[in-house]
Every structure is written in C-alpha cells, then in structure tokens.
C-alpha cells in the first residue's frame, strides 16, 4: 500500500493546467482545417492527405515516451513550456513549406505538432490529477469544453483568413498563440500530480479480459475513430460533395465542433433527468442519421442538418461511455495513458489515416460511409453493454 503523502489540492494551479487543453485543441484539429488552405480540395490526393493524419498519430505516440522521460527529471511547467515552444516552431516551419514544396516537409511539421500536443496533454493530465480527485465530473467536463473551444478556434480562424491571408501568413499568426503560451507558462506554477501506482500486467489482464471491458474498449476505439475521421475529412468532403467554397466548408467544420461542444455541455444537464442507456442509444441513432444525410445530400441545407445531428449525436456518446468505465473499472485514472483508454485513443489517431486509402480506392463518399459503419458498431456495443450490465447485476443478486 502506498503511504506517500498526496499533494495538497491547489485549485489555481490546477485550473491553469486546464487551459493547456485549449492549446491542445488548436494543435490537434489543425490538419482538418489547414488541408483546404494547402489546396487539397482541388486535387484527389487522398492517400497523401491520409499521411498527414498518420504523421500526427506518430507524433502523439512518440510523445508518450518523451513525456515519461521528462516526467522523471523535470516538472510540469517545463514540459508544458517545451510543448508550446515546439508547437510554435513547428507552425513557423509549416509556414515555410506550403505547396508546391514536397508533401513530406509538411508531414514532418505535422509530426512535430503531434509531439508537442502529446507533451501538452501528458503534462496537463498529470497536473489536473489533484483536481480530478477533488471533483472528477467537473474536471473532465471543463477539460473537454476547453479542448473543443481550441478546435473551434482553429476552424473559425482558418476560415476567416482563407481569402485574406496567404497560408504562410495564416500559420505564422497561429504560431503566435503557442509562442505567447510558452512565455506565459514558463512563468506559471502547475499543480504536482497525485501519486498513482500503475497496475501490473496481471491486474490489467484481469480487468480487460472481462466481456464488459472488451466492449467498453471497442466502443472507445470506434467512437474516437468516428469523431476524428469526420473532423479531419469534413471540409474536403463538403467541397467535393456539394461544391461549397473552402471558406464555407471550414465554417461547416466549425459548426461540427460547436455541435460537439454544446452537445457535451447539454449532456451533463441531461444526465440527472434522462436514463443513461436511453441517452446513449438515442445519441447513436442521431449520429447514424447525420451520417446518412451527409452521404445522400447534394445541397447546403442537408449538409448543415447532417452536421448538426452528427455532432450532437457524437457529443453525448463519449462522456457517457467514460463515465461507465469509471464506475466499472475505478483503477483506471483518466490522466494516464494505459489499458482501456490507450487502446481507445488508437481509433481516433489512425482512422483518418486509413480513410485516405479508402477514399482513394472507392471515392470521397467513403469518408462518411465508414464513420456510419463505426457508429453502427457503437450502437450495437451500447446494446450489448446494456445486456451485459443487466446480466451481471442479476448474477450478483442471486449470489
């Protein structure tokens, strides 16, 4: 049993760490917003587009090892400052490599942004762990809201700058945000992490081999993949599907992020009034209908309607799933990349990359068809989880 004293809860320092999620949202949503500015809405290089998402995924995965090494030697302030400074340099590098420069120069810049986003996420999760112990629901909600605001900021900013500035100037202006953040965080104090004992492989195996854990893991895998596939490809899809200009397609992408953001806020208000099972099922059905509308539509009204339904439906699935995981598997802490959460993240990181091959082989329509199939899988998993929960509860009562 760990007898190490826990750090004193520091509300101001922990809240400062929450602001890091805003910067993380700006960085992680960049590929989906900047692709039209690079001209990929004018050419069918879907496989190349997928490589940018792979680069982001590799950068985030590489950052986990780097953050572990830094955590042993330096505090959260250093890691956050380093992550913000790297993001600033990466954005400035991308500003120097617009088309017709070779695509792999831009992929290298996106990889570096993935590393910086991963460092920011890791340090922020560690620093808010004391706040999470104090109030888990409020902490998770606020982190999600700030992350969503960051994603929304990127889409709105690139849309507004599309016909005003060159892509290089747009990226230089975006680089000012992490540059300013690096200077601010370098002088700030961050809360120390709560002592956390990692589970042994035997303990992890005992948790994940249960049917409920496997289904939860798959649900997170598909849901993260659905959300980030749409976020990454929506702008290009809309240009090809309904012929809107790139600036308008980015505004529609911003509406998707807004629907996700508002939907998750509304979900928290509904948790105490609506059955969680009913809310999960209705959310899955709304997301499925949104995908179908986007696949079939050929006009702006249909596109706006599909985006609103899709974003709102997606918004309520993830927090409810995470809440159930927290109740069923309390040993898992959301601030640590392990077990169920690690596997669930893979779906969000790699699905947009795989869509590049699918779109190249079968056309741009697969960009929404595959998330539709993923949403069907989420719906089926929700039903199976409901049945498994009922059976487990019945077995416990008989015992």
Protein backbone atom coordinates (compact mmCIF):
# COMPACT_ATOMS: atom_id res chain seq x y z
CA UNK A 1 0.00 0.00 0.00
CA UNK A 2 1.39 3.40 -0.98
CA UNK A 3 1.84 5.61 2.06
CA UNK A 4 3.30 8.60 0.20
CA UNK A 5 1.57 11.81 1.15
CA UNK A 6 -0.69 13.21 -1.53
CA UNK A 7 -0.03 16.74 -2.74
CA UNK A 8 -2.25 19.46 -1.38
CA UNK A 9 -5.04 20.41 -3.77
CA UNK A 10 -4.09 23.69 -5.46
CA UNK A 11 -7.18 25.00 -7.31
CA UNK A 12 -5.48 27.93 -9.05
CA UNK A 13 -2.54 25.86 -10.33
CA UNK A 14 -4.83 23.02 -11.44
CA UNK A 15 -7.14 25.43 -13.29
CA UNK A 16 -4.12 26.87 -15.07
CA UNK A 17 -3.31 23.38 -16.29
CA UNK A 18 -6.84 23.09 -17.70
CA UNK A 19 -6.07 25.98 -20.07
CA UNK A 20 -3.46 23.76 -21.73
CA UNK A 21 -6.30 21.74 -23.25
CA UNK A 22 -7.37 24.80 -25.23
CA UNK A 23 -3.95 24.95 -26.86
CA UNK A 24 -4.02 21.19 -27.41
CA UNK A 25 -7.35 21.51 -29.23
CA UNK A 26 -5.89 24.16 -31.56
CA UNK A 27 -2.99 21.88 -32.46
CA UNK A 28 -4.78 18.55 -32.80
CA UNK A 29 -7.51 19.99 -35.03
CA UNK A 30 -5.02 21.72 -37.35
CA UNK A 31 -4.78 19.06 -40.12
CA UNK A 32 -8.52 19.03 -40.80
CA UNK A 33 -8.62 22.83 -41.02
CA UNK A 34 -5.41 23.54 -42.95
CA UNK A 35 -5.85 20.96 -45.74
CA UNK A 36 -8.11 23.22 -47.87
CA UNK A 37 -5.62 26.07 -47.42
CA UNK A 38 -2.95 23.76 -48.87
CA UNK A 39 -5.16 23.17 -51.90
CA UNK A 40 -6.10 19.54 -51.30
CA UNK A 41 -9.74 20.32 -52.05
CA UNK A 42 -8.67 20.84 -55.68
CA UNK A 43 -6.90 17.53 -56.23
CA UNK A 44 -7.68 13.92 -55.49
CA UNK A 45 -4.54 13.10 -53.50
CA UNK A 46 -6.47 11.35 -50.76
CA UNK A 47 -3.65 8.96 -49.84
CA UNK A 48 -1.31 11.90 -49.28
CA UNK A 49 -3.95 13.58 -47.11
CA UNK A 50 -4.07 10.42 -45.00
CA UNK A 51 -0.32 10.62 -44.43
CA UNK A 52 -0.72 13.89 -42.57
CA UNK A 53 -3.03 12.20 -40.07
CA UNK A 54 -0.57 9.32 -39.73
CA UNK A 55 2.18 11.86 -39.02
CA UNK A 56 0.05 13.43 -36.29
CA UNK A 57 -0.63 9.99 -34.79
CA UNK A 58 3.05 9.03 -34.81
CA UNK A 59 3.97 12.32 -33.19
CA UNK A 60 1.47 11.86 -30.36
CA UNK A 61 2.56 8.26 -29.82
CA UNK A 62 6.24 9.29 -29.78
CA UNK A 63 5.47 11.99 -27.23
CA UNK A 64 4.36 9.41 -24.66
CA UNK A 65 7.91 8.08 -24.35
CA UNK A 66 9.40 11.58 -24.32
CA UNK A 67 6.96 12.76 -21.66
CA UNK A 68 7.74 9.73 -19.48
CA UNK A 69 11.45 10.53 -19.63
CA UNK A 70 10.87 14.21 -18.89
CA UNK A 71 8.48 13.45 -16.01
CA UNK A 72 11.32 11.69 -14.19
CA UNK A 73 13.59 14.74 -14.42
CA UNK A 74 11.52 17.88 -14.87
CA UNK A 75 8.25 19.34 -13.58
CA UNK A 76 5.01 20.00 -15.48
CA UNK A 77 5.91 23.64 -16.10
CA UNK A 78 8.97 22.64 -18.11
CA UNK A 79 7.07 20.04 -20.15
CA UNK A 80 4.18 22.41 -20.94
CA UNK A 81 6.57 25.23 -21.89
CA UNK A 82 8.58 22.87 -24.09
CA UNK A 83 5.43 21.59 -25.79
CA UNK A 84 4.19 25.11 -26.53
CA UNK A 85 7.60 26.22 -27.84
CA UNK A 86 7.84 23.17 -30.12
CA UNK A 87 4.34 23.91 -31.46
CA UNK A 88 5.34 27.48 -32.25
CA UNK A 89 8.44 26.33 -34.13
CA UNK A 90 6.51 23.62 -35.98
CA UNK A 91 3.87 26.10 -37.18
CA UNK A 92 6.58 28.51 -38.34
CA UNK A 93 8.22 25.62 -40.20
CA UNK A 94 4.92 24.73 -41.87
CA UNK A 95 4.55 28.37 -42.94
CA UNK A 96 7.77 27.94 -44.95
CA UNK A 97 6.66 24.75 -46.71
CA UNK A 98 3.32 25.32 -48.49
CA UNK A 99 2.65 23.58 -51.81
CA UNK A 100 4.38 23.06 -54.19
CA UNK A 101 7.00 22.05 -51.62
CA UNK A 102 7.17 18.23 -51.21
CA UNK A 103 4.35 16.94 -49.03
CA UNK A 104 6.71 15.16 -46.64
CA UNK A 105 8.06 18.52 -45.42
CA UNK A 106 4.57 19.35 -44.24
CA UNK A 107 4.16 15.85 -42.81
CA UNK A 108 7.33 16.41 -40.76
CA UNK A 109 5.85 19.63 -39.39
CA UNK A 110 2.58 17.89 -38.53
CA UNK A 111 4.56 15.13 -36.78
CA UNK A 112 6.29 17.77 -34.65
CA UNK A 113 2.91 19.31 -33.82
CA UNK A 114 1.76 15.83 -32.73
CA UNK A 115 4.77 15.57 -30.42
CA UNK A 116 4.05 18.98 -28.90
CA UNK A 117 0.32 18.20 -28.47
CA UNK A 118 1.20 14.92 -26.77
CA UNK A 119 3.59 16.67 -24.37
CA UNK A 120 0.95 19.25 -23.54
CA UNK A 121 -1.72 16.59 -22.96
CA UNK A 122 0.52 14.46 -20.77
CA UNK A 123 1.64 17.33 -18.54
CA UNK A 124 -1.87 18.77 -18.30
CA UNK A 125 -3.40 15.41 -17.35
CA UNK A 126 -0.79 14.94 -14.65
CA UNK A 127 -1.26 18.45 -13.30
CA UNK A 128 -5.06 18.26 -13.10
CA UNK A 129 -4.98 14.89 -11.30
CA UNK A 130 -5.46 16.56 -7.89
CA UNK A 131 -8.45 18.47 -9.26
CA UNK A 132 -9.82 15.23 -10.72
CA UNK A 133 -9.58 13.56 -7.30
CA UNK A 134 -11.46 16.53 -5.82
CA UNK A 135 -14.24 16.75 -8.48
CA UNK A 136 -13.98 14.22 -11.34
CA UNK A 137 -17.08 15.26 -13.30
CA UNK A 138 -16.35 18.99 -13.32
CA UNK A 139 -12.71 18.40 -14.23
CA UNK A 140 -13.46 16.17 -17.20
CA UNK A 141 -16.22 18.50 -18.41
CA UNK A 142 -14.07 21.62 -18.24
CA UNK A 143 -11.13 19.93 -19.97
CA UNK A 144 -13.43 18.79 -22.77
CA UNK A 145 -15.00 22.23 -23.15
CA UNK A 146 -11.63 23.96 -23.42
CA UNK A 147 -10.34 21.36 -25.87
CA UNK A 148 -13.44 21.83 -28.01
CA UNK A 149 -13.02 25.61 -27.92
CA UNK A 150 -9.49 25.16 -29.21
CA UNK A 151 -10.71 23.01 -32.12
CA UNK A 152 -13.44 25.56 -32.87
CA UNK A 153 -10.90 28.40 -32.80
CA UNK A 154 -8.72 26.75 -35.45
CA UNK A 155 -11.60 26.15 -37.87
CA UNK A 156 -13.02 29.68 -37.47
CA UNK A 157 -9.63 31.35 -37.74
CA UNK A 158 -8.53 29.49 -40.89
CA UNK A 159 -11.95 30.09 -42.47
CA UNK A 160 -11.79 33.83 -41.79
CA UNK A 161 -8.22 34.11 -43.04
CA UNK A 162 -8.71 31.95 -46.14
CA UNK A 163 -9.25 34.76 -48.66
CA UNK A 164 -7.45 37.44 -46.65
CA UNK A 165 -4.00 35.99 -45.93
CA UNK A 166 -1.72 33.50 -47.60
CA UNK A 167 -1.46 30.08 -45.97
CA UNK A 168 2.02 31.00 -44.76
CA UNK A 169 0.76 34.16 -43.06
CA UNK A 170 -2.13 32.25 -41.53
CA UNK A 171 0.24 29.74 -39.98
CA UNK A 172 2.54 32.48 -38.69
CA UNK A 173 -0.42 34.13 -36.97
CA UNK A 174 -1.44 30.78 -35.48
CA UNK A 175 2.14 30.29 -34.25
CA UNK A 176 1.73 33.40 -32.09
CA UNK A 177 -0.73 31.52 -29.85
CA UNK A 178 1.64 28.75 -28.67
CA UNK A 179 4.52 31.25 -28.69
CA UNK A 180 2.66 33.51 -26.27
CA UNK A 181 1.59 30.45 -24.25
CA UNK A 182 5.22 29.29 -23.91
CA UNK A 183 6.20 32.63 -22.40
CA UNK A 184 3.18 32.62 -20.08
CA UNK A 185 3.56 29.01 -18.93
CA UNK A 186 7.29 29.46 -18.36
CA UNK A 187 6.45 31.84 -15.52
CA UNK A 188 3.49 29.88 -14.14
CA UNK A 189 3.10 27.34 -11.38
CA UNK A 190 1.44 23.97 -12.08
CA UNK A 191 -0.02 21.58 -9.52
CA UNK A 192 2.05 18.44 -8.84
CA UNK A 193 0.47 15.11 -9.84
CA UNK A 194 -1.33 12.81 -7.44
CA UNK A 195 0.66 9.71 -6.57
CA UNK A 196 -0.53 6.92 -8.84
CA UNK A 197 0.51 3.29 -8.77
CA UNK A 198 0.44 1.66 -12.19
CA UNK A 199 -1.30 -1.68 -12.39
CA UNK A 200 0.69 -4.82 -13.00
CA UNK A 201 0.16 -6.70 -16.26
CA UNK A 202 -1.75 -9.36 -14.30
CA UNK A 203 -4.12 -6.75 -12.88
CA UNK A 204 -4.62 -5.18 -16.31
CA UNK A 205 -5.35 -8.59 -17.82
CA UNK A 206 -7.87 -9.42 -15.10
CA UNK A 207 -9.74 -6.19 -15.93
CA UNK A 208 -9.66 -6.28 -19.71
CA UNK A 209 -10.43 -9.97 -20.20
CA UNK A 210 -13.99 -9.48 -18.96
CA UNK A 211 -16.63 -9.09 -21.71
CA UNK A 212 -17.67 -5.70 -20.37
CA UNK A 213 -14.14 -4.31 -20.51
CA UNK A 214 -13.61 -5.61 -24.04
CA UNK A 215 -16.84 -4.00 -25.23
CA UNK A 216 -16.02 -0.70 -23.49
CA UNK A 217 -12.60 -0.70 -25.15
CA UNK A 218 -14.07 -1.35 -28.59
CA UNK A 219 -16.68 1.34 -28.02
CA UNK A 220 -13.97 3.92 -27.28
CA UNK A 221 -11.95 2.72 -30.27
CA UNK A 222 -14.81 3.16 -32.73
CA UNK A 223 -16.16 6.36 -31.19
CA UNK A 224 -12.81 8.15 -31.17
CA UNK A 225 -12.26 6.99 -34.73
CA UNK A 226 -15.68 8.30 -35.79
CA UNK A 227 -15.20 11.73 -34.25
CA UNK A 228 -11.72 12.37 -35.61
CA UNK A 229 -12.44 10.90 -39.04
CA UNK A 230 -15.24 13.41 -39.51
CA UNK A 231 -13.17 16.26 -38.03
CA UNK A 232 -10.25 15.51 -40.34
CA UNK A 233 -12.10 14.98 -43.61
CA UNK A 234 -15.31 17.02 -43.36
CA UNK A 235 -14.04 20.21 -45.04
CA UNK A 236 -12.64 18.38 -48.09
CA UNK A 237 -15.69 16.12 -48.27
CA UNK A 238 -18.08 19.09 -48.42
CA UNK A 239 -16.13 20.79 -51.22
CA UNK A 240 -16.28 17.63 -53.31
CA UNK A 241 -19.84 16.61 -52.38
CA UNK A 242 -21.87 19.85 -52.55
CA UNK A 243 -19.41 22.24 -54.20
CA UNK A 244 -19.12 24.85 -51.44
CA UNK A 245 -16.05 27.06 -51.36
CA UNK A 246 -13.26 26.17 -48.90
CA UNK A 247 -14.07 29.03 -46.52
CA UNK A 248 -17.68 27.86 -46.21
CA UNK A 249 -16.60 24.25 -45.74
CA UNK A 250 -14.40 25.37 -42.84
CA UNK A 251 -17.33 27.23 -41.29
CA UNK A 252 -19.28 23.98 -41.53
CA UNK A 253 -16.38 22.22 -39.83
CA UNK A 254 -16.59 24.88 -37.11
CA UNK A 255 -20.30 24.07 -36.75
CA UNK A 256 -19.36 20.42 -36.22
CA UNK A 257 -17.02 21.41 -33.39
CA UNK A 258 -19.68 23.73 -31.98
CA UNK A 259 -22.26 20.93 -32.03
CA UNK A 260 -19.83 18.64 -30.20
CA UNK A 261 -19.06 21.35 -27.66
CA UNK A 262 -22.64 22.39 -26.94
CA UNK A 263 -23.86 18.79 -27.05
CA UNK A 264 -21.44 17.75 -24.33
CA UNK A 265 -22.49 20.64 -22.14
CA UNK A 266 -26.16 19.73 -22.64
CA UNK A 267 -25.38 16.07 -21.95
CA UNK A 268 -24.23 16.95 -18.45
CA UNK A 269 -27.55 18.67 -17.76
CA UNK A 270 -29.47 15.64 -19.05
CA UNK A 271 -27.60 13.03 -17.02
CA UNK A 272 -29.73 13.56 -13.93
CA UNK A 273 -33.01 13.67 -15.89
CA UNK A 274 -32.73 11.04 -18.62
CA UNK A 275 -31.72 7.39 -18.32
CA UNK A 276 -28.14 6.93 -19.42
CA UNK A 277 -28.94 3.90 -21.54
CA UNK A 278 -31.68 5.76 -23.40
CA UNK A 279 -29.38 8.74 -23.89
CA UNK A 280 -26.63 6.57 -25.35
CA UNK A 281 -28.96 4.80 -27.75
CA UNK A 282 -30.68 7.99 -28.92
CA UNK A 283 -27.29 9.67 -29.43
CA UNK A 284 -26.06 6.76 -31.54
CA UNK A 285 -29.21 6.87 -33.68
CA UNK A 286 -28.85 10.65 -34.18
CA UNK A 287 -25.23 10.22 -35.27
CA UNK A 288 -26.18 7.46 -37.71
CA UNK A 289 -28.91 9.63 -39.24
CA UNK A 290 -26.47 12.53 -39.56
CA UNK A 291 -24.02 10.33 -41.48
CA UNK A 292 -26.79 9.13 -43.82
CA UNK A 293 -27.91 12.71 -44.51
CA UNK A 294 -24.36 13.80 -45.35
CA UNK A 295 -23.86 10.82 -47.66
CA UNK A 296 -27.10 11.49 -49.54
CA UNK A 297 -27.31 15.29 -49.59
CA UNK A 298 -26.38 17.50 -52.53
CA UNK A 299 -27.25 20.90 -51.01
CA UNK A 300 -26.22 23.14 -48.13
CA UNK A 301 -29.37 22.70 -46.09
CA UNK A 302 -28.87 18.94 -45.98
CA UNK A 303 -25.21 19.41 -45.12
CA UNK A 304 -25.94 21.78 -42.23
CA UNK A 305 -28.66 19.45 -40.91
CA UNK A 306 -26.43 16.38 -41.14
CA UNK A 307 -23.54 18.14 -39.40
CA UNK A 308 -25.73 19.29 -36.51
CA UNK A 309 -27.20 15.83 -35.99
CA UNK A 310 -23.83 14.15 -36.32
CA UNK A 311 -22.03 16.49 -33.92
CA UNK A 312 -24.83 16.43 -31.36
CA UNK A 313 -25.11 12.64 -31.54
CA UNK A 314 -21.36 12.13 -31.17
CA UNK A 315 -21.21 14.65 -28.31
CA UNK A 316 -23.14 12.56 -25.81
CA UNK A 317 -21.64 9.13 -26.51
CA UNK A 318 -18.08 9.62 -25.29
CA UNK A 319 -18.72 11.19 -21.84
CA UNK A 320 -21.35 8.57 -21.04
CA UNK A 321 -19.03 5.76 -22.06
CA UNK A 322 -16.16 7.16 -19.98
CA UNK A 323 -18.50 7.57 -17.02
CA UNK A 324 -19.48 3.91 -17.20
CA UNK A 325 -15.84 2.88 -17.43
CA UNK A 326 -15.09 4.91 -14.33
CA UNK A 327 -17.84 3.12 -12.39
CA UNK A 328 -16.93 -0.36 -13.60
CA UNK A 329 -13.12 0.00 -13.54
CA UNK A 330 -12.14 2.51 -10.86
CA UNK A 331 -8.44 1.56 -11.05
CA UNK A 332 -8.14 3.40 -14.35
CA UNK A 333 -7.30 7.07 -13.99
CA UNK A 334 -8.10 9.30 -16.99
CA UNK A 335 -4.81 11.13 -16.56
CA UNK A 336 -2.75 8.11 -17.53
CA UNK A 337 -2.38 6.54 -20.97
CA UNK A 338 -2.91 2.89 -20.14
CA UNK A 339 -5.28 -0.02 -20.52
CA UNK A 340 -8.70 0.79 -21.92
CA UNK A 341 -8.01 4.45 -22.68
CA UNK A 342 -4.79 3.73 -24.61
CA UNK A 343 -6.50 1.34 -26.99
CA UNK A 344 -9.45 3.67 -27.39
CA UNK A 345 -7.14 6.51 -28.46
CA UNK A 346 -5.72 4.41 -31.29
CA UNK A 347 -9.06 4.59 -33.13
CA UNK A 348 -9.02 8.36 -33.07
CA UNK A 349 -5.41 8.57 -34.20
CA UNK A 350 -5.38 6.08 -37.05
CA UNK A 351 -8.88 6.13 -38.55
CA UNK A 352 -8.39 9.39 -40.53
CA UNK A 353 -5.20 7.90 -41.99
CA UNK A 354 -6.96 4.72 -43.15
CA UNK A 355 -9.73 6.81 -44.70
CA UNK A 356 -7.16 8.20 -47.14
CA UNK A 357 -6.71 4.76 -48.70
CA UNK A 358 -10.47 4.12 -48.70
CA UNK A 359 -11.25 7.45 -50.38
CA UNK A 360 -8.56 6.83 -52.99
CA UNK A 361 -9.96 3.38 -53.78
CA UNK A 362 -13.73 3.97 -53.57
CA UNK A 363 -14.25 7.71 -53.72
CA UNK A 364 -14.76 10.58 -51.30
CA UNK A 365 -18.15 9.21 -50.21
CA UNK A 366 -16.41 6.62 -48.04
CA UNK A 367 -15.29 9.48 -45.77
CA UNK A 368 -18.82 9.44 -44.30
CA UNK A 369 -19.71 5.83 -45.07
CA UNK A 370 -17.03 4.39 -42.81
CA UNK A 371 -17.97 6.59 -39.80
CA UNK A 372 -21.55 5.43 -40.41
CA UNK A 373 -20.41 1.82 -40.08
CA UNK A 374 -18.41 2.80 -36.99
CA UNK A 375 -21.49 4.42 -35.48
CA UNK A 376 -23.50 1.25 -36.15
CA UNK A 377 -20.80 -0.66 -34.26
CA UNK A 378 -21.06 1.81 -31.37
CA UNK A 379 -24.85 1.36 -31.32
CA UNK A 380 -24.51 -2.45 -31.22
CA UNK A 381 -21.90 -2.23 -28.47
CA UNK A 382 -24.18 0.04 -26.43
CA UNK A 383 -26.95 -2.55 -26.66
CA UNK A 384 -24.58 -5.40 -25.76
CA UNK A 385 -23.21 -3.43 -22.81
CA UNK A 386 -26.74 -2.80 -21.56
CA UNK A 387 -27.49 -6.53 -21.74
CA UNK A 388 -24.17 -7.43 -20.09
CA UNK A 389 -24.81 -4.96 -17.25
CA UNK A 390 -28.27 -6.42 -16.63
CA UNK A 391 -26.92 -9.96 -16.59
CA UNK A 392 -24.08 -9.02 -14.25
CA UNK A 393 -26.48 -7.29 -11.87
CA UNK A 394 -28.84 -10.30 -11.90
CA UNK A 395 -25.97 -12.66 -11.20
CA UNK A 396 -24.81 -10.54 -8.28
CA UNK A 397 -28.30 -10.51 -6.74
CA UNK A 398 -28.62 -14.30 -7.00
CA UNK A 399 -25.17 -14.71 -5.43
